[in-house]
Amino acid sequence: MRRREFITLLGGAVAAWPLAARAQQAERLRRVGFLFAGTLALRPQAQEFWRRLHELGYIEGKNVVIEVREARGKIEELPKLAYELVSTRTDVLVPVTTPGVAAAKNATQSIPIVMAIVADPLGAGFVKNLGRPEANITGPSYTISPDIVSKRMELFKEMLPERSVIGILWSANNRLTADLIPVAERAGRSLDTPTLSLSFEGPADLKAGLERALAARVNAILVMADPATFDHRREIIDFSLANRIPTFHAFPEETNDGALAAYGQV
C-alpha cells in the first residue's frame, strides 16, 4: 500500500469498480465524487486522471459524471463538502489526504470510498487491517517517512552550506506534519544548523508565517508537504525569489514553479 504516484491512486479508484458495474456502464451514468482538501486545478496530474478514465471507456457526460468539491486549503469546509457529494448519489467517493477521508467516512458508511494520499489509514481508524480493510474504505497509503524529512535537511545543507538558519514552514492543522517537525529539528542539530519553526494556522495565516521568516533573518526555508503549502506554492515561491530566501519542497511541480529544489516519494 505504498504511493507510487498521485494519479496512480486516482486511476486505481476507477479500476477498483466491479467488472460487472463497468459492463453495465452504458445503462446509466456513473458518478465519481472527488473530494479535495486543496484545489484540484492546481495539480497537473489531474489531467492524467481524466485520460485514464477515457482509456477505461468512461467519457464525462456520456457514461460518467465527475462531481468535484474543493476545500481550497480550508480543512473545516471538508465535512460540508463531503455531505454535498453524498447527496449527489455518487457511486464512489475519492477523497484526497487524511482530512478528506475523515470527512467522507463521517458522511457515509455505504458508498465505496477509495482514499488517496493518506499516510496512516490504520492509525487514523479508516481501516481495521491494511490487507483486509473491511467496511466501505479501501485504497493505498502514502507514508511520509521521517528519513525523507532528514534527507531533505541534509540535501538542503549540502546545496547551501553557507546558509546558517533554516526555517521550517508547516501547517499547525496537519497532525502528521506536526509529528515530523522534531525530526527536522534533530536533523538541523546534527548538521550544526539552527532551525526556526514557522507554523501557520491556515491559508490566511501563511503570509504572516513567511513574514516571521523575514523578521528572524532566516536564510532558507524547508516547506513541509501540506495541501495549503502546495496550493499556495506560488505565494511561497514569489516570497522566496523576492527576498532571496531559497525554499526546498516535497513535490516536483514546486520546482517547476521556481522553487530551488524538491525531494520526496514518487
Protein backbone atom coordinates (compact mmCIF):
# COMPACT_ATOMS: atom_id res chain seq x y z
CA MET A 1 0.00 0.00 0.00
CA ARG A 2 2.84 2.43 -0.90
CA ARG A 3 2.21 5.51 -3.04
CA ARG A 4 3.94 5.38 -6.39
CA GLU A 5 2.40 8.45 -7.92
CA PHE A 6 -0.56 10.64 -7.08
CA ILE A 7 -2.53 9.91 -10.19
CA THR A 8 -1.88 6.19 -10.00
CA LEU A 9 -4.03 6.17 -6.89
CA LEU A 10 -6.83 8.02 -8.62
CA GLY A 11 -6.71 5.70 -11.60
CA GLY A 12 -6.97 2.85 -9.10
CA ALA A 13 -10.23 4.32 -7.89
CA VAL A 14 -11.76 3.61 -11.27
CA ALA A 15 -10.09 0.24 -11.64
CA ALA A 16 -11.48 -0.77 -8.26
CA TRP A 17 -15.06 -0.68 -9.52
CA PRO A 18 -16.56 -4.15 -10.02
CA LEU A 19 -16.21 -5.52 -13.53
CA ALA A 20 -19.94 -6.15 -13.66
CA ALA A 21 -20.58 -2.48 -12.97
CA ARG A 22 -18.27 -1.47 -15.80
CA ALA A 23 -20.06 -3.84 -18.15
CA GLN A 24 -23.29 -2.02 -17.37
CA GLN A 25 -21.82 1.48 -17.85
CA ALA A 26 -23.94 2.07 -20.96
CA GLU A 27 -27.13 1.61 -18.94
CA ARG A 28 -26.75 4.69 -16.78
CA LEU A 29 -24.36 7.44 -15.83
CA ARG A 30 -21.80 6.53 -13.20
CA ARG A 31 -20.89 9.23 -10.71
CA VAL A 32 -17.47 9.81 -9.11
CA GLY A 33 -17.35 12.17 -6.16
CA PHE A 34 -13.95 13.80 -5.86
CA LEU A 35 -13.19 15.48 -2.50
CA PHE A 36 -10.00 17.51 -2.38
CA ALA A 37 -8.57 19.40 0.61
CA GLY A 38 -6.75 21.78 -1.70
CA THR A 39 -7.52 22.80 -5.26
CA LEU A 40 -7.74 20.14 -7.96
CA ALA A 41 -7.00 22.55 -10.78
CA LEU A 42 -3.60 23.30 -9.27
CA ARG A 43 -2.49 19.66 -9.61
CA PRO A 44 -1.07 19.00 -13.09
CA GLN A 45 -1.56 15.25 -12.51
CA ALA A 46 -5.32 15.75 -12.52
CA GLN A 47 -5.29 15.69 -16.32
CA GLU A 48 -3.86 12.18 -16.16
CA PHE A 49 -6.89 11.10 -14.15
CA TRP A 50 -9.26 12.18 -16.95
CA ARG A 51 -7.04 10.47 -19.53
CA ARG A 52 -7.08 7.20 -17.60
CA LEU A 53 -10.86 7.37 -17.27
CA HIS A 54 -11.12 7.70 -21.03
CA GLU A 55 -8.84 4.68 -21.53
CA LEU A 56 -11.17 2.64 -19.36
CA GLY A 57 -14.13 3.62 -21.52
CA TYR A 58 -15.56 6.39 -19.35
CA ILE A 59 -16.41 9.65 -21.10
CA GLU A 60 -17.62 12.53 -18.98
CA GLY A 61 -21.17 13.48 -19.83
CA LYS A 62 -21.77 10.24 -21.73
CA ASN A 63 -21.40 7.46 -19.18
CA VAL A 64 -19.73 9.14 -16.21
CA VAL A 65 -20.23 12.34 -14.23
CA ILE A 66 -17.44 13.81 -12.12
CA GLU A 67 -18.57 15.72 -9.04
CA VAL A 68 -15.68 17.79 -7.67
CA ARG A 69 -15.59 19.56 -4.32
CA GLU A 70 -12.54 21.59 -3.30
CA ALA A 71 -11.84 22.93 0.18
CA ARG A 72 -9.09 25.20 -1.19
CA GLY A 73 -6.99 24.62 1.91
CA LYS A 74 -9.87 25.33 4.32
CA ILE A 75 -9.98 21.96 6.08
CA GLU A 76 -13.02 22.95 8.15
CA GLU A 77 -15.07 23.02 4.92
CA LEU A 78 -14.50 19.33 4.15
CA PRO A 79 -17.39 17.84 6.20
CA LYS A 80 -19.94 20.07 4.44
CA LEU A 81 -18.46 19.28 1.04
CA ALA A 82 -18.47 15.55 1.78
CA TYR A 83 -22.19 15.64 2.60
CA GLU A 84 -22.81 17.56 -0.62
CA LEU A 85 -21.14 14.77 -2.60
CA VAL A 86 -23.15 12.10 -0.80
CA SER A 87 -26.34 13.97 -1.68
CA THR A 88 -25.47 13.68 -5.40
CA ARG A 89 -25.75 9.86 -5.06
CA THR A 90 -22.21 9.17 -6.25
CA ASP A 91 -21.20 5.58 -6.98
CA VAL A 92 -17.77 6.06 -5.43
CA LEU A 93 -16.06 8.76 -3.39
CA VAL A 94 -12.39 9.62 -3.92
CA PRO A 95 -11.23 11.79 -1.01
CA VAL A 96 -7.63 13.03 -1.11
CA THR A 97 -5.49 13.36 2.04
CA THR A 98 -6.34 12.27 5.59
CA PRO A 99 -8.78 15.13 6.42
CA GLY A 100 -10.71 14.39 3.24
CA VAL A 101 -11.07 10.70 4.05
CA ALA A 102 -12.17 11.52 7.60
CA ALA A 103 -14.90 13.79 6.25
CA ALA A 104 -16.04 11.18 3.71
CA LYS A 105 -16.10 8.44 6.37
CA ASN A 106 -18.36 10.55 8.58
CA ALA A 107 -20.64 11.38 5.65
CA THR A 108 -21.38 7.81 4.52
CA GLN A 109 -20.99 4.20 5.62
CA SER A 110 -22.41 2.74 2.41
CA ILE A 111 -20.87 4.50 -0.60
CA PRO A 112 -17.47 2.97 -1.51
CA ILE A 113 -14.58 5.26 -0.58
CA VAL A 114 -11.21 4.99 -2.35
CA MET A 115 -8.71 7.04 -0.39
CA ALA A 116 -5.65 8.75 -1.87
CA ILE A 117 -2.53 10.20 -0.23
CA VAL A 118 -3.27 9.01 3.30
CA ALA A 119 -0.23 8.41 5.47
CA ASP A 120 -1.63 6.19 8.23
CA PRO A 121 -5.10 4.77 7.45
CA LEU A 122 -4.77 2.23 10.27
CA GLY A 123 -3.81 4.79 12.90
CA ALA A 124 -6.48 7.18 11.67
CA GLY A 125 -9.12 4.48 12.16
CA PHE A 126 -10.12 4.33 8.49
CA VAL A 127 -9.42 0.60 8.14
CA LYS A 128 -9.13 -2.33 10.54
CA ASN A 129 -6.41 -4.11 8.59
CA LEU A 130 -4.20 -2.92 5.72
CA GLY A 131 -4.60 -6.23 3.89
CA ARG A 132 -8.35 -6.55 4.55
CA PRO A 133 -9.69 -3.04 5.17
CA GLU A 134 -13.36 -4.14 5.58
CA ALA A 135 -16.22 -1.60 5.77
CA ASN A 136 -16.51 0.81 2.79
CA ILE A 137 -12.97 2.27 2.65
CA THR A 138 -10.05 0.99 0.60
CA GLY A 139 -7.04 2.35 -1.26
CA PRO A 140 -3.28 2.70 -0.88
CA SER A 141 -1.46 4.55 1.89
CA TYR A 142 1.12 7.28 1.45
CA THR A 143 3.84 7.09 4.07
CA ILE A 144 5.79 10.24 4.86
CA SER A 145 8.97 8.71 6.20
CA PRO A 146 10.94 10.56 8.88
CA ASP A 147 14.03 9.51 6.94
CA ILE A 148 12.84 11.58 3.97
CA VAL A 149 12.49 14.67 6.15
CA SER A 150 16.03 14.17 7.46
CA LYS A 151 17.28 13.65 3.93
CA ARG A 152 15.68 16.90 2.80
CA MET A 153 17.57 18.73 5.51
CA GLU A 154 20.84 17.05 4.54
CA LEU A 155 20.41 17.86 0.85
CA PHE A 156 19.41 21.42 1.64
CA LYS A 157 22.56 21.91 3.72
CA GLU A 158 24.75 20.34 1.03
CA MET A 159 23.32 22.64 -1.61
CA LEU A 160 23.61 25.76 0.55
CA PRO A 161 26.37 25.19 3.12
CA GLU A 162 26.67 28.92 3.84
CA ARG A 163 23.05 29.22 4.95
CA SER A 164 23.12 29.37 8.75
CA VAL A 165 19.42 29.26 9.77
CA ILE A 166 16.75 27.10 8.14
CA GLY A 167 13.11 27.93 8.73
CA ILE A 168 10.54 25.11 8.71
CA LEU A 169 7.22 26.19 7.18
CA TRP A 170 4.34 23.93 8.20
CA SER A 171 0.61 23.88 8.85
CA ALA A 172 -0.39 23.59 12.50
CA ASN A 173 -3.64 21.96 11.31
CA ASN A 174 -1.78 18.95 9.92
CA ARG A 175 -1.22 16.41 12.73
CA LEU A 176 1.06 14.19 10.65
CA THR A 177 3.29 17.09 9.69
CA ALA A 178 3.43 18.24 13.30
CA ASP A 179 4.88 14.86 14.28
CA LEU A 180 7.70 15.35 11.76
CA ILE A 181 8.83 18.80 12.93
CA PRO A 182 11.01 17.35 15.76
CA VAL A 183 12.65 15.11 13.13
CA ALA A 184 13.63 18.14 11.04
CA GLU A 185 14.86 19.95 14.14
CA ARG A 186 17.03 16.99 15.19
CA ALA A 187 18.43 16.82 11.66
CA GLY A 188 19.30 20.50 11.91
CA ARG A 189 21.17 19.97 15.18
CA SER A 190 23.12 17.05 13.71
CA LEU A 191 24.13 19.35 10.83
CA ASP A 192 25.06 22.12 13.26
CA THR A 193 22.37 24.27 11.64
CA PRO A 194 19.77 26.10 13.78
CA THR A 195 16.14 25.77 12.73
CA LEU A 196 13.16 28.01 13.30
CA SER A 197 9.57 26.76 13.36
CA LEU A 198 7.32 28.79 11.05
CA SER A 199 3.88 27.33 11.76
CA PHE A 200 0.69 28.82 10.37
CA GLU A 201 -2.98 28.07 11.13
CA GLY A 202 -4.38 28.14 7.59
CA PRO A 203 -4.01 29.76 4.17
CA ALA A 204 -4.97 33.18 5.54
CA ASP A 205 -2.12 32.93 8.07
CA LEU A 206 0.52 31.83 5.56
CA LYS A 207 1.72 35.35 4.76
CA ALA A 208 2.30 36.02 8.47
CA GLY A 209 4.39 32.86 8.69
CA LEU A 210 6.56 33.98 5.80
CA GLU A 211 6.96 37.45 7.30
CA ARG A 212 8.20 35.85 10.53
CA ALA A 213 10.92 34.17 8.47
CA LEU A 214 11.97 37.55 7.13
CA ALA A 215 11.94 39.21 10.55
CA ALA A 216 14.04 36.38 12.03
CA ARG A 217 16.57 36.61 9.18
CA VAL A 218 16.05 33.01 8.13
CA ASN A 219 18.49 32.07 5.34
CA ALA A 220 16.46 29.22 3.78
CA ILE A 221 13.05 27.58 4.23
CA LEU A 222 12.12 23.90 4.30
CA VAL A 223 8.48 23.71 3.14
CA MET A 224 6.63 20.75 4.63
CA ALA A 225 4.14 18.90 2.41
CA ASP A 226 0.56 20.03 3.01
CA PRO A 227 -2.48 20.94 0.87
CA ALA A 228 -2.09 24.58 1.89
CA THR A 229 1.62 24.83 1.08
CA PHE A 230 1.10 23.07 -2.26
CA ASP A 231 -1.92 25.07 -3.38
CA HIS A 232 -0.27 28.33 -2.26
CA ARG A 233 3.17 27.41 -3.56
CA ARG A 234 3.13 30.39 -5.93
CA GLU A 235 2.86 32.75 -2.95
CA ILE A 236 5.69 30.94 -1.15
CA ILE A 237 7.95 30.88 -4.20
CA ASP A 238 7.29 34.53 -5.06
CA PHE A 239 8.26 35.43 -1.49
CA SER A 240 11.38 33.29 -1.82
CA LEU A 241 12.51 34.93 -5.03
CA ALA A 242 11.69 38.47 -3.90
CA ASN A 243 13.65 38.10 -0.66
CA ARG A 244 16.39 35.78 -1.94
CA ILE A 245 15.47 33.08 0.57
CA PRO A 246 15.65 29.68 -1.19
CA THR A 247 12.96 27.09 -0.49
CA PHE A 248 13.11 23.28 -0.50
CA HIS A 249 9.83 21.44 -1.21
CA ALA A 250 8.33 17.94 -1.45
CA PHE A 251 6.79 17.81 -4.94
CA PRO A 252 8.41 18.30 -8.38
CA GLU A 253 5.68 20.71 -9.52
CA GLU A 254 7.03 23.17 -6.97
CA THR A 255 10.44 23.27 -8.63
CA ASN A 256 8.74 23.78 -11.99
CA ASP A 257 7.21 26.90 -10.49
CA GLY A 258 10.57 28.29 -9.37
CA ALA A 259 11.49 26.64 -6.06
CA LEU A 260 15.14 25.77 -5.57
CA ALA A 261 14.64 22.01 -5.12
CA ALA A 262 12.24 19.24 -4.08
CA TYR A 263 12.72 15.75 -2.71
CA GLY A 264 10.11 13.16 -1.83
CA GLN A 265 8.43 9.88 -2.67
CA VAL A 266 7.43 9.25 -6.28
